[in-house]
Amino acid sequence: MFKLKNLDEQIITITGNKIADLTGKRTLTYRSALVGCLEMHRSSTPGSGEALRAFDLGVRIQKAKGSMDLEDEEKKFLEGIVENTSIFLSVVIGRLLYFLKDTKELKVEKK
C-alpha cells in the first residue's frame, strides 16, 4: 500500500519557479499533473481494459481529499504511465516520479 500525499502541492521547476497547468490558468499541482497523464494515456494494448483502468484511477485521484491510498499494482501502473507520457516536459515527469517514490531530496525552495 502506498499513500499519495499532498496532491495539491504545486510542482516547481528545478530553479524554483511555478509551472502553469495544461489550461494555462492555474499552477500545476501533483493532482492535476497525474490526472493529465491519466487522461491523455493511450493504451498500448487496445481491448486490454488499460484505458478504463487509467480513467478510473484518474477519477479517484481527482476526487481524493488531499491524499489517497494506492495498491502496489496501481502505483506501478501509474509510474509506467508517467514515465511514458509525452504531454509534459522532463521537469514535470521527474517531479512526478519523485513524488510517487515519496522522495523529497530534490525539493527546491525558491529564493
PDB file of N, CA and C in Angstrom:
ATOM      1  N   MET A   1       0.849  -1.182   0.000  1.00  0.00           N
ATOM      2  CA  MET A   1       0.000   0.000   0.000  1.00  0.00           C
ATOM      3  C   MET A   1       0.892   1.241   0.000  1.00  0.00           C
ATOM      4  N   PHE A   2       0.493   2.228  -0.763  1.00  0.00           N
ATOM      5  CA  PHE A   2       1.248   3.482  -0.888  1.00  0.00           C
ATOM      6  C   PHE A   2       0.273   4.638  -0.749  1.00  0.00           C
ATOM      7  N   LYS A   3       0.661   5.655  -0.013  1.00  0.00           N
ATOM      8  CA  LYS A   3      -0.199   6.826   0.173  1.00  0.00           C
ATOM      9  C   LYS A   3       0.306   7.982  -0.683  1.00  0.00           C
ATOM     10  N   LEU A   4      -0.563   8.451  -1.587  1.00  0.00           N
ATOM     11  CA  LEU A   4      -0.281   9.683  -2.315  1.00  0.00           C
ATOM     12  C   LEU A   4      -0.611  10.824  -1.370  1.00  0.00           C
ATOM     13  N   LYS A   5       0.395  11.577  -0.967  1.00  0.00           N
ATOM     14  CA  LYS A   5       0.196  12.669  -0.019  1.00  0.00           C
ATOM     15  C   LYS A   5       0.340  14.011  -0.719  1.00  0.00           C
ATOM     16  N   ASN A   6      -0.285  15.026  -0.166  1.00  0.00           N
ATOM     17  CA  ASN A   6      -0.118  16.401  -0.643  1.00  0.00           C
ATOM     18  C   ASN A   6      -0.387  16.541  -2.141  1.00  0.00           C
ATOM     19  N   LEU A   7      -1.488  15.965  -2.594  1.00  0.00           N
ATOM     20  CA  LEU A   7      -1.834  16.021  -4.009  1.00  0.00           C
ATOM     21  C   LEU A   7      -1.964  17.446  -4.536  1.00  0.00           C
ATOM     22  N   ASP A   8      -2.291  18.381  -3.672  1.00  0.00           N
ATOM     23  CA  ASP A   8      -2.492  19.756  -4.117  1.00  0.00           C
ATOM     24  C   ASP A   8      -1.244  20.628  -3.990  1.00  0.00           C
ATOM     25  N   GLU A   9      -0.111  20.010  -3.667  1.00  0.00           N
ATOM     26  CA  GLU A   9       1.154  20.748  -3.627  1.00  0.00           C
ATOM     27  C   GLU A   9       1.533  21.140  -5.048  1.00  0.00           C
ATOM     28  N   GLN A  10       2.046  22.346  -5.206  1.00  0.00           N
ATOM     29  CA  GLN A  10       2.424  22.844  -6.522  1.00  0.00           C
ATOM     30  C   GLN A  10       3.736  22.223  -6.989  1.00  0.00           C
ATOM     31  N   ILE A  11       3.814  21.937  -8.279  1.00  0.00           N
ATOM     32  CA  ILE A  11       5.049  21.447  -8.884  1.00  0.00           C
ATOM     33  C   ILE A  11       5.863  22.664  -9.305  1.00  0.00           C
ATOM     34  N   ILE A  12       7.143  22.648  -8.956  1.00  0.00           N
ATOM     35  CA  ILE A  12       8.011  23.769  -9.323  1.00  0.00           C
ATOM     36  C   ILE A  12       9.171  23.268 -10.184  1.00  0.00           C
ATOM     37  N   THR A  13       9.772  24.180 -10.912  1.00  0.00           N
ATOM     38  CA  THR A  13      10.920  23.834 -11.753  1.00  0.00           C
ATOM     39  C   THR A  13      12.145  23.587 -10.887  1.00  0.00           C
ATOM     40  N   ILE A  14      13.199  23.162 -11.515  1.00  0.00           N
ATOM     41  CA  ILE A  14      14.454  22.921 -10.807  1.00  0.00           C
ATOM     42  C   ILE A  14      14.958  24.202 -10.154  1.00  0.00           C
ATOM     43  N   THR A  15      14.693  25.332 -10.784  1.00  0.00           N
ATOM     44  CA  THR A  15      15.139  26.618 -10.242  1.00  0.00           C
ATOM     45  C   THR A  15      14.147  27.233  -9.276  1.00  0.00           C
ATOM     46  N   GLY A  16      13.026  26.556  -9.028  1.00  0.00           N
ATOM     47  CA  GLY A  16      12.077  27.019  -8.033  1.00  0.00           C
ATOM     48  C   GLY A  16      10.900  27.816  -8.551  1.00  0.00           C
ATOM     49  N   ASN A  17      10.740  27.901  -9.859  1.00  0.00           N
ATOM     50  CA  ASN A  17       9.607  28.633 -10.431  1.00  0.00           C
ATOM     51  C   ASN A  17       8.370  27.751 -10.530  1.00  0.00           C
ATOM     52  N   LYS A  18       7.205  28.388 -10.494  1.00  0.00           N
ATOM     53  CA  LYS A  18       5.945  27.663 -10.645  1.00  0.00           C
ATOM     54  C   LYS A  18       5.711  27.348 -12.116  1.00  0.00           C
ATOM     55  N   ILE A  19       4.914  26.305 -12.363  1.00  0.00           N
ATOM     56  CA  ILE A  19       4.592  25.863 -13.714  1.00  0.00           C
ATOM     57  C   ILE A  19       3.084  25.954 -13.892  1.00  0.00           C
ATOM     58  N   ALA A  20       2.639  26.481 -15.023  1.00  0.00           N
ATOM     59  CA  ALA A  20       1.196  26.547 -15.303  1.00  0.00           C
ATOM     60  C   ALA A  20       0.696  25.160 -15.688  1.00  0.00           C
ATOM     61  N   ASP A  21      -0.579  24.884 -15.370  1.00  0.00           N
ATOM     62  CA  ASP A  21      -1.169  23.606 -15.763  1.00  0.00           C
ATOM     63  C   ASP A  21      -1.485  23.613 -17.256  1.00  0.00           C
ATOM     64  N   LEU A  22      -2.088  22.542 -17.753  1.00  0.00           N
ATOM     65  CA  LEU A  22      -2.348  22.414 -19.185  1.00  0.00           C
ATOM     66  C   LEU A  22      -3.297  23.482 -19.717  1.00  0.00           C
ATOM     67  N   THR A  23      -4.122  24.048 -18.860  1.00  0.00           N
ATOM     68  CA  THR A  23      -5.038  25.104 -19.299  1.00  0.00           C
ATOM     69  C   THR A  23      -4.345  26.458 -19.324  1.00  0.00           C
ATOM     70  N   GLY A  24      -3.224  26.573 -18.625  1.00  0.00           N
ATOM     71  CA  GLY A  24      -2.507  27.830 -18.537  1.00  0.00           C
ATOM     72  C   GLY A  24      -3.121  28.806 -17.548  1.00  0.00           C
ATOM     73  N   LYS A  25      -4.156  28.368 -16.838  1.00  0.00           N
ATOM     74  CA  LYS A  25      -4.882  29.256 -15.928  1.00  0.00           C
ATOM     75  C   LYS A  25      -4.501  29.087 -14.464  1.00  0.00           C
ATOM     76  N   ARG A  26      -3.962  27.930 -14.106  1.00  0.00           N
ATOM     77  CA  ARG A  26      -3.628  27.661 -12.708  1.00  0.00           C
ATOM     78  C   ARG A  26      -2.221  27.090 -12.622  1.00  0.00           C
ATOM     79  N   THR A  27      -1.690  27.071 -11.419  1.00  0.00           N
ATOM     80  CA  THR A  27      -0.385  26.457 -11.196  1.00  0.00           C
ATOM     81  C   THR A  27      -0.544  24.942 -11.173  1.00  0.00           C
ATOM     82  N   LEU A  28       0.379  24.254 -11.805  1.00  0.00           N
ATOM     83  CA  LEU A  28       0.339  22.799 -11.891  1.00  0.00           C
ATOM     84  C   LEU A  28       0.557  22.181 -10.515  1.00  0.00           C
ATOM     85  N   THR A  29      -0.316  21.271 -10.134  1.00  0.00           N
ATOM     86  CA  THR A  29      -0.174  20.524  -8.883  1.00  0.00           C
ATOM     87  C   THR A  29       0.079  19.056  -9.220  1.00  0.00           C
ATOM     88  N   TYR A  30       0.476  18.295  -8.212  1.00  0.00           N
ATOM     89  CA  TYR A  30       0.660  16.867  -8.437  1.00  0.00           C
ATOM     90  C   TYR A  30      -0.654  16.221  -8.878  1.00  0.00           C
ATOM     91  N   ARG A  31      -1.757  16.655  -8.287  1.00  0.00           N
ATOM     92  CA  ARG A  31      -3.061  16.119  -8.661  1.00  0.00           C
ATOM     93  C   ARG A  31      -3.353  16.391 -10.145  1.00  0.00           C
ATOM     94  N   SER A  32      -3.236  17.650 -10.557  1.00  0.00           N
ATOM     95  CA  SER A  32      -3.587  17.981 -11.940  1.00  0.00           C
ATOM     96  C   SER A  32      -2.635  17.329 -12.941  1.00  0.00           C
ATOM     97  N   ALA A  33      -1.357  17.192 -12.594  1.00  0.00           N
ATOM     98  CA  ALA A  33      -0.405  16.545 -13.496  1.00  0.00           C
ATOM     99  C   ALA A  33      -0.684  15.051 -13.622  1.00  0.00           C
ATOM    100  N   LEU A  34      -0.954  14.380 -12.499  1.00  0.00           N
ATOM    101  CA  LEU A  34      -1.263  12.946 -12.554  1.00  0.00           C
ATOM    102  C   LEU A  34      -2.549  12.696 -13.335  1.00  0.00           C
ATOM    103  N   VAL A  35      -3.568  13.508 -13.068  1.00  0.00           N
ATOM    104  CA  VAL A  35      -4.834  13.353 -13.793  1.00  0.00           C
ATOM    105  C   VAL A  35      -4.607  13.626 -15.280  1.00  0.00           C
ATOM    106  N   GLY A  36      -3.805  14.635 -15.618  1.00  0.00           N
ATOM    107  CA  GLY A  36      -3.492  14.923 -17.017  1.00  0.00           C
ATOM    108  C   GLY A  36      -2.825  13.745 -17.705  1.00  0.00           C
ATOM    109  N   CYS A  37      -1.854  13.124 -17.039  1.00  0.00           N
ATOM    110  CA  CYS A  37      -1.182  11.943 -17.604  1.00  0.00           C
ATOM    111  C   CYS A  37      -2.182  10.818 -17.843  1.00  0.00           C
ATOM    112  N   LEU A  38      -3.047  10.590 -16.870  1.00  0.00           N
ATOM    113  CA  LEU A  38      -4.027   9.505 -16.989  1.00  0.00           C
ATOM    114  C   LEU A  38      -5.065   9.803 -18.068  1.00  0.00           C
ATOM    115  N   GLU A  39      -5.494  11.065 -18.168  1.00  0.00           N
ATOM    116  CA  GLU A  39      -6.472  11.438 -19.189  1.00  0.00           C
ATOM    117  C   GLU A  39      -5.917  11.274 -20.602  1.00  0.00           C
ATOM    118  N   MET A  40      -4.653  11.573 -20.773  1.00  0.00           N
ATOM    119  CA  MET A  40      -4.046  11.550 -22.105  1.00  0.00           C
ATOM    120  C   MET A  40      -3.391  10.207 -22.443  1.00  0.00           C
ATOM    121  N   HIS A  41      -3.452   9.257 -21.541  1.00  0.00           N
ATOM    122  CA  HIS A  41      -2.814   7.950 -21.762  1.00  0.00           C
ATOM    123  C   HIS A  41      -3.482   7.202 -22.909  1.00  0.00           C
ATOM    124  N   ARG A  42      -2.670   6.675 -23.774  1.00  0.00           N
ATOM    125  CA  ARG A  42      -3.155   5.849 -24.872  1.00  0.00           C
ATOM    126  C   ARG A  42      -2.671   4.427 -24.630  1.00  0.00           C
ATOM    127  N   SER A  43      -3.608   3.507 -24.477  1.00  0.00           N
ATOM    128  CA  SER A  43      -3.279   2.127 -24.169  1.00  0.00           C
ATOM    129  C   SER A  43      -2.402   1.512 -25.255  1.00  0.00           C
ATOM    130  N   SER A  44      -1.377   0.797 -24.832  1.00  0.00           N
ATOM    131  CA  SER A  44      -0.502   0.116 -25.791  1.00  0.00           C
ATOM    132  C   SER A  44      -1.125  -1.180 -26.294  1.00  0.00           C
ATOM    133  N   THR A  45      -2.138  -1.652 -25.584  1.00  0.00           N
ATOM    134  CA  THR A  45      -2.814  -2.886 -25.963  1.00  0.00           C
ATOM    135  C   THR A  45      -4.320  -2.645 -26.004  1.00  0.00           C
ATOM    136  N   PRO A  46      -4.850  -2.232 -27.161  1.00  0.00           N
ATOM    137  CA  PRO A  46      -6.295  -1.989 -27.262  1.00  0.00           C
ATOM    138  C   PRO A  46      -7.101  -3.214 -26.827  1.00  0.00           C
ATOM    139  N   GLY A  47      -8.180  -2.958 -26.126  1.00  0.00           N
ATOM    140  CA  GLY A  47      -9.041  -4.046 -25.656  1.00  0.00           C
ATOM    141  C   GLY A  47      -8.579  -4.699 -24.371  1.00  0.00           C
ATOM    142  N   SER A  48      -7.509  -4.184 -23.771  1.00  0.00           N
ATOM    143  CA  SER A  48      -6.958  -4.807 -22.561  1.00  0.00           C
ATOM    144  C   SER A  48      -7.624  -4.308 -21.286  1.00  0.00           C
ATOM    145  N   GLY A  49      -8.412  -3.245 -21.403  1.00  0.00           N
ATOM    146  CA  GLY A  49      -9.009  -2.639 -20.216  1.00  0.00           C
ATOM    147  C   GLY A  49      -8.118  -1.593 -19.586  1.00  0.00           C
ATOM    148  N   GLU A  50      -6.947  -1.368 -20.169  1.00  0.00           N
ATOM    149  CA  GLU A  50      -5.983  -0.418 -19.623  1.00  0.00           C
ATOM    150  C   GLU A  50      -6.531   1.008 -19.638  1.00  0.00           C
ATOM    151  N   ALA A  51      -7.247   1.368 -20.708  1.00  0.00           N
ATOM    152  CA  ALA A  51      -7.795   2.724 -20.804  1.00  0.00           C
ATOM    153  C   ALA A  51      -8.819   2.970 -19.701  1.00  0.00           C
ATOM    154  N   LEU A  52      -9.667   2.007 -19.452  1.00  0.00           N
ATOM    155  CA  LEU A  52     -10.667   2.145 -18.390  1.00  0.00           C
ATOM    156  C   LEU A  52      -9.987   2.200 -17.024  1.00  0.00           C
ATOM    157  N   ARG A  53      -8.954   1.429 -16.851  1.00  0.00           N
ATOM    158  CA  ARG A  53      -8.201   1.443 -15.593  1.00  0.00           C
ATOM    159  C   ARG A  53      -7.571   2.816 -15.367  1.00  0.00           C
ATOM    160  N   ALA A  54      -6.994   3.404 -16.423  1.00  0.00           N
ATOM    161  CA  ALA A  54      -6.394   4.737 -16.322  1.00  0.00           C
ATOM    162  C   ALA A  54      -7.466   5.776 -16.014  1.00  0.00           C
ATOM    163  N   PHE A  55      -8.603   5.686 -16.681  1.00  0.00           N
ATOM    164  CA  PHE A  55      -9.702   6.623 -16.451  1.00  0.00           C
ATOM    165  C   PHE A  55     -10.191   6.529 -15.010  1.00  0.00           C
ATOM    166  N   ASP A  56     -10.409   5.307 -14.531  1.00  0.00           N
ATOM    167  CA  ASP A  56     -10.894   5.100 -13.162  1.00  0.00           C
ATOM    168  C   ASP A  56      -9.915   5.657 -12.137  1.00  0.00           C
ATOM    169  N   LEU A  57      -8.641   5.410 -12.334  1.00  0.00           N
ATOM    170  CA  LEU A  57      -7.629   5.919 -11.403  1.00  0.00           C
ATOM    171  C   LEU A  57      -7.595   7.445 -11.434  1.00  0.00           C
ATOM    172  N   GLY A  58      -7.730   8.036 -12.608  1.00  0.00           N
ATOM    173  CA  GLY A  58      -7.776   9.485 -12.727  1.00  0.00           C
ATOM    174  C   GLY A  58      -8.954  10.096 -11.984  1.00  0.00           C
ATOM    175  N   VAL A  59     -10.110   9.466 -12.094  1.00  0.00           N
ATOM    176  CA  VAL A  59     -11.307   9.943 -11.379  1.00  0.00           C
ATOM    177  C   VAL A  59     -11.081   9.862  -9.871  1.00  0.00           C
ATOM    178  N   ARG A  60     -10.494   8.759  -9.411  1.00  0.00           N
ATOM    179  CA  ARG A  60     -10.236   8.597  -7.971  1.00  0.00           C
ATOM    180  C   ARG A  60      -9.257   9.646  -7.455  1.00  0.00           C
ATOM    181  N   ILE A  61      -8.204   9.926  -8.228  1.00  0.00           N
ATOM    182  CA  ILE A  61      -7.234  10.945  -7.813  1.00  0.00           C
ATOM    183  C   ILE A  61      -7.903  12.314  -7.795  1.00  0.00           C
ATOM    184  N   GLN A  62      -8.702  12.607  -8.791  1.00  0.00           N
ATOM    185  CA  GLN A  62      -9.382  13.902  -8.859  1.00  0.00           C
ATOM    186  C   GLN A  62     -10.312  14.103  -7.664  1.00  0.00           C
ATOM    187  N   LYS A  63     -10.985  13.049  -7.230  1.00  0.00           N
ATOM    188  CA  LYS A  63     -11.948  13.142  -6.128  1.00  0.00           C
ATOM    189  C   LYS A  63     -11.305  13.051  -4.746  1.00  0.00           C
ATOM    190  N   ALA A  64     -10.038  12.628  -4.669  1.00  0.00           N
ATOM    191  CA  ALA A  64      -9.374  12.427  -3.375  1.00  0.00           C
ATOM    192  C   ALA A  64      -9.309  13.728  -2.586  1.00  0.00           C
ATOM    193  N   LYS A  65      -9.384  13.610  -1.289  1.00  0.00           N
ATOM    194  CA  LYS A  65      -9.331  14.761  -0.380  1.00  0.00           C
ATOM    195  C   LYS A  65      -7.917  14.938   0.160  1.00  0.00           C
ATOM    196  N   GLY A  66      -7.019  15.488  -0.635  1.00  0.00           N
ATOM    197  CA  GLY A  66      -5.666  15.786  -0.168  1.00  0.00           C
ATOM    198  C   GLY A  66      -4.681  14.648  -0.268  1.00  0.00           C
ATOM    199  N   SER A  67      -5.131  13.425  -0.013  1.00  0.00           N
ATOM    200  CA  SER A  67      -4.264  12.257  -0.141  1.00  0.00           C
ATOM    201  C   SER A  67      -5.137  11.040  -0.434  1.00  0.00           C
ATOM    202  N   MET A  68      -4.508   9.961  -0.872  1.00  0.00           N
ATOM    203  CA  MET A  68      -5.261   8.733  -1.124  1.00  0.00           C
ATOM    204  C   MET A  68      -4.316   7.541  -1.119  1.00  0.00           C
ATOM    205  N   ASP A  69      -4.861   6.376  -0.878  1.00  0.00           N
ATOM    206  CA  ASP A  69      -4.084   5.138  -0.874  1.00  0.00           C
ATOM    207  C   ASP A  69      -4.125   4.493  -2.247  1.00  0.00           C
ATOM    208  N   LEU A  70      -2.985   3.933  -2.635  1.00  0.00           N
ATOM    209  CA  LEU A  70      -2.875   3.157  -3.867  1.00  0.00           C
ATOM    210  C   LEU A  70      -2.367   1.771  -3.522  1.00  0.00           C
ATOM    211  N   GLU A  71      -2.927   0.772  -4.169  1.00  0.00           N
ATOM    212  CA  GLU A  71      -2.360  -0.574  -4.079  1.00  0.00           C
ATOM    213  C   GLU A  71      -1.017  -0.548  -4.803  1.00  0.00           C
ATOM    214  N   ASP A  72      -0.113  -1.474  -4.462  1.00  0.00           N
ATOM    215  CA  ASP A  72       1.203  -1.503  -5.092  1.00  0.00           C
ATOM    216  C   ASP A  72       1.096  -1.635  -6.608  1.00  0.00           C
ATOM    217  N   GLU A  73       0.150  -2.436  -7.082  1.00  0.00           N
ATOM    218  CA  GLU A  73      -0.047  -2.618  -8.523  1.00  0.00           C
ATOM    219  C   GLU A  73      -0.524  -1.321  -9.193  1.00  0.00           C
ATOM    220  N   GLU A  74      -1.383  -0.577  -8.513  1.00  0.00           N
ATOM    221  CA  GLU A  74      -1.850   0.707  -9.042  1.00  0.00           C
ATOM    222  C   GLU A  74      -0.695   1.710  -9.122  1.00  0.00           C
ATOM    223  N   LYS A  75       0.156   1.711  -8.117  1.00  0.00           N
ATOM    224  CA  LYS A  75       1.313   2.612  -8.105  1.00  0.00           C
ATOM    225  C   LYS A  75       2.240   2.286  -9.274  1.00  0.00           C
ATOM    226  N   LYS A  76       2.503   1.017  -9.497  1.00  0.00           N
ATOM    227  CA  LYS A  76       3.367   0.598 -10.600  1.00  0.00           C
ATOM    228  C   LYS A  76       2.740   0.994 -11.945  1.00  0.00           C
ATOM    229  N   PHE A  77       1.432   0.806 -12.084  1.00  0.00           N
ATOM    230  CA  PHE A  77       0.702   1.191 -13.292  1.00  0.00           C
ATOM    231  C   PHE A  77       0.833   2.698 -13.524  1.00  0.00           C
ATOM    232  N   LEU A  78       0.632   3.482 -12.479  1.00  0.00           N
ATOM    233  CA  LEU A  78       0.713   4.938 -12.569  1.00  0.00           C
ATOM    234  C   LEU A  78       2.130   5.391 -12.922  1.00  0.00           C
ATOM    235  N   GLU A  79       3.141   4.792 -12.311  1.00  0.00           N
ATOM    236  CA  GLU A  79       4.532   5.133 -12.637  1.00  0.00           C
ATOM    237  C   GLU A  79       4.828   4.872 -14.109  1.00  0.00           C
ATOM    238  N   GLY A  80       4.322   3.750 -14.634  1.00  0.00           N
ATOM    239  CA  GLY A  80       4.521   3.427 -16.045  1.00  0.00           C
ATOM    240  C   GLY A  80       3.892   4.461 -16.960  1.00  0.00           C
ATOM    241  N   ILE A  81       2.710   4.912 -16.603  1.00  0.00           N
ATOM    242  CA  ILE A  81       2.039   5.936 -17.411  1.00  0.00           C
ATOM    243  C   ILE A  81       2.819   7.246 -17.362  1.00  0.00           C
ATOM    244  N   VAL A  82       3.253   7.645 -16.170  1.00  0.00           N
ATOM    245  CA  VAL A  82       4.017   8.893 -16.034  1.00  0.00           C
ATOM    246  C   VAL A  82       5.319   8.810 -16.829  1.00  0.00           C
ATOM    247  N   GLU A  83       6.031   7.697 -16.714  1.00  0.00           N
ATOM    248  CA  GLU A  83       7.309   7.544 -17.419  1.00  0.00           C
ATOM    249  C   GLU A  83       7.145   7.620 -18.937  1.00  0.00           C
ATOM    250  N   ASN A  84       5.994   7.213 -19.445  1.00  0.00           N
ATOM    251  CA  ASN A  84       5.791   7.152 -20.885  1.00  0.00           C
ATOM    252  C   ASN A  84       4.916   8.265 -21.443  1.00  0.00           C
ATOM    253  N   THR A  85       4.581   9.243 -20.627  1.00  0.00           N
ATOM    254  CA  THR A  85       3.737  10.324 -21.121  1.00  0.00           C
ATOM    255  C   THR A  85       4.541  11.261 -22.014  1.00  0.00           C
ATOM    256  N   SER A  86       3.848  11.865 -22.954  1.00  0.00           N
ATOM    257  CA  SER A  86       4.520  12.836 -23.821  1.00  0.00           C
ATOM    258  C   SER A  86       3.870  14.217 -23.705  1.00  0.00           C
ATOM    259  N   ILE A  87       3.028  14.403 -22.679  1.00  0.00           N
ATOM    260  CA  ILE A  87       2.340  15.694 -22.560  1.00  0.00           C
ATOM    261  C   ILE A  87       3.092  16.697 -21.690  1.00  0.00           C
ATOM    262  N   PHE A  88       4.093  16.247 -20.952  1.00  0.00           N
ATOM    263  CA  PHE A  88       4.835  17.136 -20.067  1.00  0.00           C
ATOM    264  C   PHE A  88       6.323  17.089 -20.365  1.00  0.00           C
ATOM    265  N   LEU A  89       7.019  18.153 -19.991  1.00  0.00           N
ATOM    266  CA  LEU A  89       8.471  18.203 -20.100  1.00  0.00           C
ATOM    267  C   LEU A  89       9.104  17.352 -19.004  1.00  0.00           C
ATOM    268  N   SER A  90      10.388  17.111 -19.130  1.00  0.00           N
ATOM    269  CA  SER A  90      11.082  16.223 -18.190  1.00  0.00           C
ATOM    270  C   SER A  90      11.018  16.715 -16.747  1.00  0.00           C
ATOM    271  N   VAL A  91      10.984  18.021 -16.515  1.00  0.00           N
ATOM    272  CA  VAL A  91      10.930  18.515 -15.132  1.00  0.00           C
ATOM    273  C   VAL A  91       9.651  18.030 -14.444  1.00  0.00           C
ATOM    274  N   VAL A  92       8.539  18.028 -15.151  1.00  0.00           N
ATOM    275  CA  VAL A  92       7.276  17.580 -14.557  1.00  0.00           C
ATOM    276  C   VAL A  92       7.301  16.064 -14.361  1.00  0.00           C
ATOM    277  N   ILE A  93       7.764  15.341 -15.359  1.00  0.00           N
ATOM    278  CA  ILE A  93       7.838  13.884 -15.245  1.00  0.00           C
ATOM    279  C   ILE A  93       8.771  13.505 -14.100  1.00  0.00           C
ATOM    280  N   GLY A  94       9.917  14.159 -14.014  1.00  0.00           N
ATOM    281  CA  GLY A  94      10.855  13.893 -12.916  1.00  0.00           C
ATOM    282  C   GLY A  94      10.230  14.163 -11.561  1.00  0.00           C
ATOM    283  N   ARG A  95       9.573  15.297 -11.430  1.00  0.00           N
ATOM    284  CA  ARG A  95       8.910  15.627 -10.156  1.00  0.00           C
ATOM    285  C   ARG A  95       7.839  14.593  -9.816  1.00  0.00           C
ATOM    286  N   LEU A  96       7.055  14.177 -10.817  1.00  0.00           N
ATOM    287  CA  LEU A  96       6.007  13.183 -10.548  1.00  0.00           C
ATOM    288  C   LEU A  96       6.607  11.853 -10.105  1.00  0.00           C
ATOM    289  N   LEU A  97       7.690  11.435 -10.733  1.00  0.00           N
ATOM    290  CA  LEU A  97       8.312  10.162 -10.342  1.00  0.00           C
ATOM    291  C   LEU A  97       8.897  10.239  -8.937  1.00  0.00           C
ATOM    292  N   TYR A  98       9.508  11.366  -8.578  1.00  0.00           N
ATOM    293  CA  TYR A  98       9.977  11.530  -7.199  1.00  0.00           C
ATOM    294  C   TYR A  98       8.798  11.552  -6.233  1.00  0.00           C
ATOM    295  N   PHE A  99       7.719  12.198  -6.628  1.00  0.00           N
ATOM    296  CA  PHE A  99       6.509  12.254  -5.808  1.00  0.00           C
ATOM    297  C   PHE A  99       5.967  10.844  -5.566  1.00  0.00           C
ATOM    298  N   LEU A 100       5.949  10.025  -6.612  1.00  0.00           N
ATOM    299  CA  LEU A 100       5.442   8.660  -6.479  1.00  0.00           C
ATOM    300  C   LEU A 100       6.379   7.775  -5.664  1.00  0.00           C
ATOM    301  N   LYS A 101       7.616   8.159  -5.575  1.00  0.00           N
ATOM    302  CA  LYS A 101       8.566   7.426  -4.732  1.00  0.00           C
ATOM    303  C   LYS A 101       8.617   8.022  -3.336  1.00  0.00           C
ATOM    304  N   ASP A 102       7.837   9.101  -3.109  1.00  0.00           N
ATOM    305  CA  ASP A 102       7.781   9.799  -1.822  1.00  0.00           C
ATOM    306  C   ASP A 102       9.170  10.280  -1.425  1.00  0.00           C
ATOM    307  N   THR A 103       9.911  10.774  -2.418  1.00  0.00           N
ATOM    308  CA  THR A 103      11.270  11.257  -2.215  1.00  0.00           C
ATOM    309  C   THR A 103      11.264  12.768  -2.268  1.00  0.00           C
ATOM    310  N   LYS A 104      11.811  13.392  -1.285  1.00  0.00           N
ATOM    311  CA  LYS A 104      11.799  14.862  -1.222  1.00  0.00           C
ATOM    312  C   LYS A 104      13.188  15.469  -1.344  1.00  0.00           C
ATOM    313  N   GLU A 105      14.243  14.667  -1.569  1.00  0.00           N
ATOM    314  CA  GLU A 105      15.589  15.246  -1.534  1.00  0.00           C
ATOM    315  C   GLU A 105      15.857  16.241  -2.651  1.00  0.00           C
ATOM    316  N   LEU A 106      15.079  16.265  -3.713  1.00  0.00           N
ATOM    317  CA  LEU A 106      15.313  17.225  -4.775  1.00  0.00           C
ATOM    318  C   LEU A 106      14.398  18.437  -4.678  1.00  0.00           C
ATOM    319  N   LYS A 107      13.701  18.577  -3.579  1.00  0.00           N
ATOM    320  CA  LYS A 107      12.803  19.710  -3.417  1.00  0.00           C
ATOM    321  C   LYS A 107      13.633  20.992  -3.412  1.00  0.00           C
ATOM    322  N   VAL A 108      13.177  21.964  -4.168  1.00  0.00           N
ATOM    323  CA  VAL A 108      13.879  23.241  -4.297  1.00  0.00           C
ATOM    324  C   VAL A 108      13.038  24.320  -3.647  1.00  0.00           C
ATOM    325  N   GLU A 109      13.665  25.144  -2.871  1.00  0.00           N
ATOM    326  CA  GLU A 109      12.984  26.291  -2.269  1.00  0.00           C
ATOM    327  C   GLU A 109      13.322  27.514  -3.105  1.00  0.00           C
ATOM    328  N   LYS A 110      12.321  28.263  -3.509  1.00  0.00           N
ATOM    329  CA  LYS A 110      12.555  29.468  -4.289  1.00  0.00           C
ATOM    330  C   LYS A 110      13.164  30.535  -3.404  1.00  0.00           C
ATOM    331  N   LYS A 111      14.188  31.193  -3.907  1.00  0.00           N
ATOM    332  CA  LYS A 111      14.885  32.237  -3.134  1.00  0.00           C
ATOM    333  C   LYS A 111      14.345  33.598  -3.466  1.00  0.00           C
TER     334      LYS A 111
END
